[in-house]
Protein backbone atom coordinates (compact mmCIF):
# COMPACT_ATOMS: atom_id res chain seq x y z
CA UNK A 1 -7.96 -172.17 10.89
CA UNK A 2 -10.66 -174.39 9.95
CA UNK A 3 -13.18 -173.21 12.58
CA UNK A 4 -12.53 -169.96 10.97
CA UNK A 5 -12.76 -171.02 7.56
CA UNK A 6 -16.10 -172.69 8.17
CA UNK A 7 -17.51 -169.55 10.16
CA UNK A 8 -16.78 -167.59 7.27
CA UNK A 9 -18.11 -169.95 4.38
CA UNK A 10 -21.27 -170.11 6.51
CA UNK A 11 -21.90 -166.31 6.09
CA UNK A 12 -21.96 -166.83 2.55
CA UNK A 13 -25.01 -167.50 0.51
CA UNK A 14 -25.45 -171.53 0.05
CA UNK A 15 -24.61 -172.72 -3.45
CA UNK A 16 -27.45 -173.63 -5.52
CA UNK A 17 -28.33 -177.14 -6.26
CA UNK A 18 -29.41 -179.01 -9.55
CA UNK A 19 -31.35 -182.07 -8.73
CA UNK A 20 -33.21 -182.55 -11.93
CA UNK A 21 -33.23 -186.28 -13.31
CA UNK A 22 -32.45 -186.16 -17.26
CA UNK A 23 -33.55 -189.61 -19.45
CA UNK A 24 -30.46 -189.02 -21.39
CA UNK A 25 -27.82 -188.91 -18.68
CA UNK A 26 -29.60 -191.67 -17.08
CA UNK A 27 -29.36 -193.97 -19.97
CA UNK A 28 -25.50 -193.21 -20.24
CA UNK A 29 -25.38 -194.16 -16.39
CA UNK A 30 -27.51 -197.25 -16.96
CA UNK A 31 -25.10 -198.47 -19.86
CA UNK A 32 -22.11 -197.71 -17.58
CA UNK A 33 -23.35 -199.58 -14.64
CA UNK A 34 -24.54 -202.55 -16.49
CA UNK A 35 -21.32 -202.88 -18.27
CA UNK A 36 -19.20 -202.42 -15.35
CA UNK A 37 -21.14 -205.08 -13.21
CA UNK A 38 -21.05 -207.42 -15.93
CA UNK A 39 -17.38 -207.23 -16.62
CA UNK A 40 -16.53 -206.72 -12.94
CA UNK A 41 -19.07 -209.43 -11.86
CA UNK A 42 -20.39 -206.85 -9.39
CA UNK A 43 -24.40 -207.60 -9.26
CA UNK A 44 -24.54 -204.54 -6.97
CA UNK A 45 -23.94 -202.33 -9.75
CA UNK A 46 -26.34 -204.28 -12.19
CA UNK A 47 -29.08 -203.82 -9.65
CA UNK A 48 -28.37 -200.21 -9.35
CA UNK A 49 -28.69 -199.95 -13.35
CA UNK A 50 -31.89 -201.93 -13.20
CA UNK A 51 -33.19 -199.64 -10.14
CA UNK A 52 -32.84 -196.63 -12.50
CA UNK A 53 -33.98 -198.14 -15.64
CA UNK A 54 -37.41 -198.83 -13.81
CA UNK A 55 -37.45 -195.49 -12.43
CA UNK A 56 -36.97 -193.91 -15.79
CA UNK A 57 -39.64 -196.11 -17.40
CA UNK A 58 -42.02 -195.68 -14.81
CA UNK A 59 -41.71 -191.82 -14.35
CA UNK A 60 -40.28 -190.20 -17.23
CA UNK A 61 -43.11 -191.04 -19.79
CA UNK A 62 -46.28 -189.61 -21.04
CA UNK A 63 -49.50 -191.73 -20.50
CA UNK A 64 -48.90 -193.22 -24.09
CA UNK A 65 -45.51 -194.05 -23.44
CA UNK A 66 -43.63 -191.25 -24.99
CA UNK A 67 -40.41 -190.23 -23.02
CA UNK A 68 -40.04 -187.25 -21.29
CA UNK A 69 -36.57 -185.34 -20.82
CA UNK A 70 -36.43 -184.00 -17.05
CA UNK A 71 -37.89 -184.77 -13.65
CA UNK A 72 -37.61 -182.47 -10.83
CA UNK A 73 -39.32 -182.41 -7.71
CA UNK A 74 -41.73 -185.51 -8.31
CA UNK A 75 -42.84 -184.12 -11.69
CA UNK A 76 -41.63 -185.09 -15.48
CA UNK A 77 -41.73 -182.57 -18.12
CA UNK A 78 -40.53 -181.55 -21.65
CA UNK A 79 -40.69 -183.72 -24.63
CA UNK A 80 -37.99 -186.40 -25.19
CA UNK A 81 -35.26 -185.51 -27.83
CA UNK A 82 -33.27 -188.20 -29.83
CA UNK A 83 -30.25 -188.41 -27.22
CA UNK A 84 -33.06 -189.30 -24.54
CA UNK A 85 -34.38 -192.12 -26.61
CA UNK A 86 -30.86 -193.38 -28.07
CA UNK A 87 -29.11 -193.32 -24.73
CA UNK A 88 -31.84 -195.30 -22.70
CA UNK A 89 -32.02 -197.72 -25.51
CA UNK A 90 -28.61 -198.30 -25.17
CA UNK A 91 -28.57 -198.52 -21.37
CA UNK A 92 -31.23 -201.17 -21.87
CA UNK A 93 -29.57 -203.10 -24.43
CA UNK A 94 -26.74 -203.16 -21.87
CA UNK A 95 -28.73 -204.17 -19.17
CA UNK A 96 -30.21 -206.89 -21.43
CA UNK A 97 -26.57 -208.07 -22.12
CA UNK A 98 -25.61 -208.24 -18.27
CA UNK A 99 -29.06 -209.72 -16.95
CA UNK A 100 -30.46 -211.67 -20.12
CA UNK A 101 -33.83 -210.81 -18.95
CA UNK A 102 -36.15 -210.25 -21.90
CA UNK A 103 -37.85 -207.55 -20.36
CA UNK A 104 -34.97 -204.99 -21.04
CA UNK A 105 -34.74 -206.24 -24.85
CA UNK A 106 -38.46 -205.62 -25.06
CA UNK A 107 -38.52 -202.19 -23.68
CA UNK A 108 -35.41 -201.47 -26.08
CA UNK A 109 -37.47 -202.41 -29.07
CA UNK A 110 -40.39 -200.59 -28.07
CA UNK A 111 -38.60 -197.32 -27.90
CA UNK A 112 -36.68 -197.85 -30.68
CA UNK A 113 -40.10 -198.44 -32.72
CA UNK A 114 -41.05 -195.05 -31.01
CA UNK A 115 -37.85 -193.24 -31.87
CA UNK A 116 -38.04 -194.72 -35.78
CA UNK A 117 -41.55 -193.09 -35.81
CA UNK A 118 -40.71 -189.85 -34.09
CA UNK A 119 -37.34 -188.68 -35.00
CA UNK A 120 -36.53 -190.85 -38.27
CA UNK A 121 -35.55 -189.17 -41.53
CA UNK A 122 -37.03 -191.33 -44.02
CA UNK A 123 -35.67 -189.91 -47.11
CA UNK A 124 -31.97 -189.64 -45.95
CA UNK A 125 -31.74 -191.65 -43.00
CA UNK A 126 -30.30 -191.12 -39.69
CA UNK A 127 -32.51 -189.40 -37.08
CA UNK A 128 -33.50 -185.66 -36.38
CA UNK A 129 -32.87 -184.24 -33.03
CA UNK A 130 -36.33 -183.11 -32.24
CA UNK A 131 -39.47 -185.28 -33.15
CA UNK A 132 -41.88 -184.65 -35.75
CA UNK A 133 -44.53 -182.81 -33.71
CA UNK A 134 -42.03 -181.09 -31.38
CA UNK A 135 -43.70 -177.90 -31.45
CA UNK A 136 -42.08 -174.67 -33.25
CA UNK A 137 -38.72 -174.92 -34.39
CA UNK A 138 -37.09 -173.16 -37.17
CA UNK A 139 -35.42 -176.04 -38.46
CA UNK A 140 -34.87 -179.65 -37.70
CA UNK A 141 -31.09 -180.79 -37.20
CA UNK A 142 -29.39 -183.89 -37.55
CA UNK A 143 -26.09 -184.14 -35.21
CA UNK A 144 -23.54 -186.69 -36.33
CA UNK A 145 -20.69 -185.50 -34.24
CA UNK A 146 -19.62 -186.63 -31.02
CA UNK A 147 -18.34 -184.21 -28.43
CA UNK A 148 -18.09 -184.71 -24.44
CA UNK A 149 -21.00 -186.94 -25.01
CA UNK A 150 -22.02 -189.03 -28.21
CA UNK A 151 -24.36 -187.83 -30.73
CA UNK A 152 -27.83 -189.45 -30.51
CA UNK A 153 -27.17 -190.45 -33.97
CA UNK A 154 -23.83 -192.29 -33.16
CA UNK A 155 -25.64 -194.15 -30.28
CA UNK A 156 -28.62 -194.98 -32.48
CA UNK A 157 -26.43 -196.62 -35.14
CA UNK A 158 -24.93 -198.71 -32.53
CA UNK A 159 -28.43 -199.59 -31.25
CA UNK A 160 -29.82 -200.60 -34.52
CA UNK A 161 -26.66 -202.92 -35.06
CA UNK A 162 -26.97 -204.38 -31.50
CA UNK A 163 -31.03 -204.86 -32.29
CA UNK A 164 -30.25 -206.61 -35.53
CA UNK A 165 -27.79 -209.00 -33.99
CA UNK A 166 -29.94 -209.80 -31.22
CA UNK A 167 -33.00 -210.30 -32.98
CA UNK A 168 -31.94 -211.55 -36.45
CA UNK A 169 -34.42 -208.68 -38.07
CA UNK A 170 -32.45 -207.18 -40.82
CA UNK A 171 -35.32 -204.19 -40.44
CA UNK A 172 -32.94 -202.74 -37.83
């Protein structure tokens, strides 16, 4: 029966494969691996988080340091959104907590400054989903409600609290 089933399955077209790398989702994964590695005392998880963070920081950025959203077939593209910044910052802060290596805190702080500049709403607080120079959009929205994944503003708020605690800087 298995041979017959396999033969029949081979007659069908192969399923499409989505192999793009997303900055935001990598930020979530980095956080999860770093936390699990720290709590479960599994250094290989922390190492995997570090490799992912190094990849994103090296390959999903523009020449001037802005985050890009996606990486496919060796090429990064699309301007980053709030969740790309917030989730990656969160992952870097978790890596800093797991390793105590200052490079992760430094990278998180640089990205936070960029996020504040590009997405911040100086009048009402919070962050817009798109950057100030994101091209043509009908309206810039601010999402504050979590769903299947947390909202960028939720994670950004947690990041600001963590950065304040880590640095003692009230400006965060």
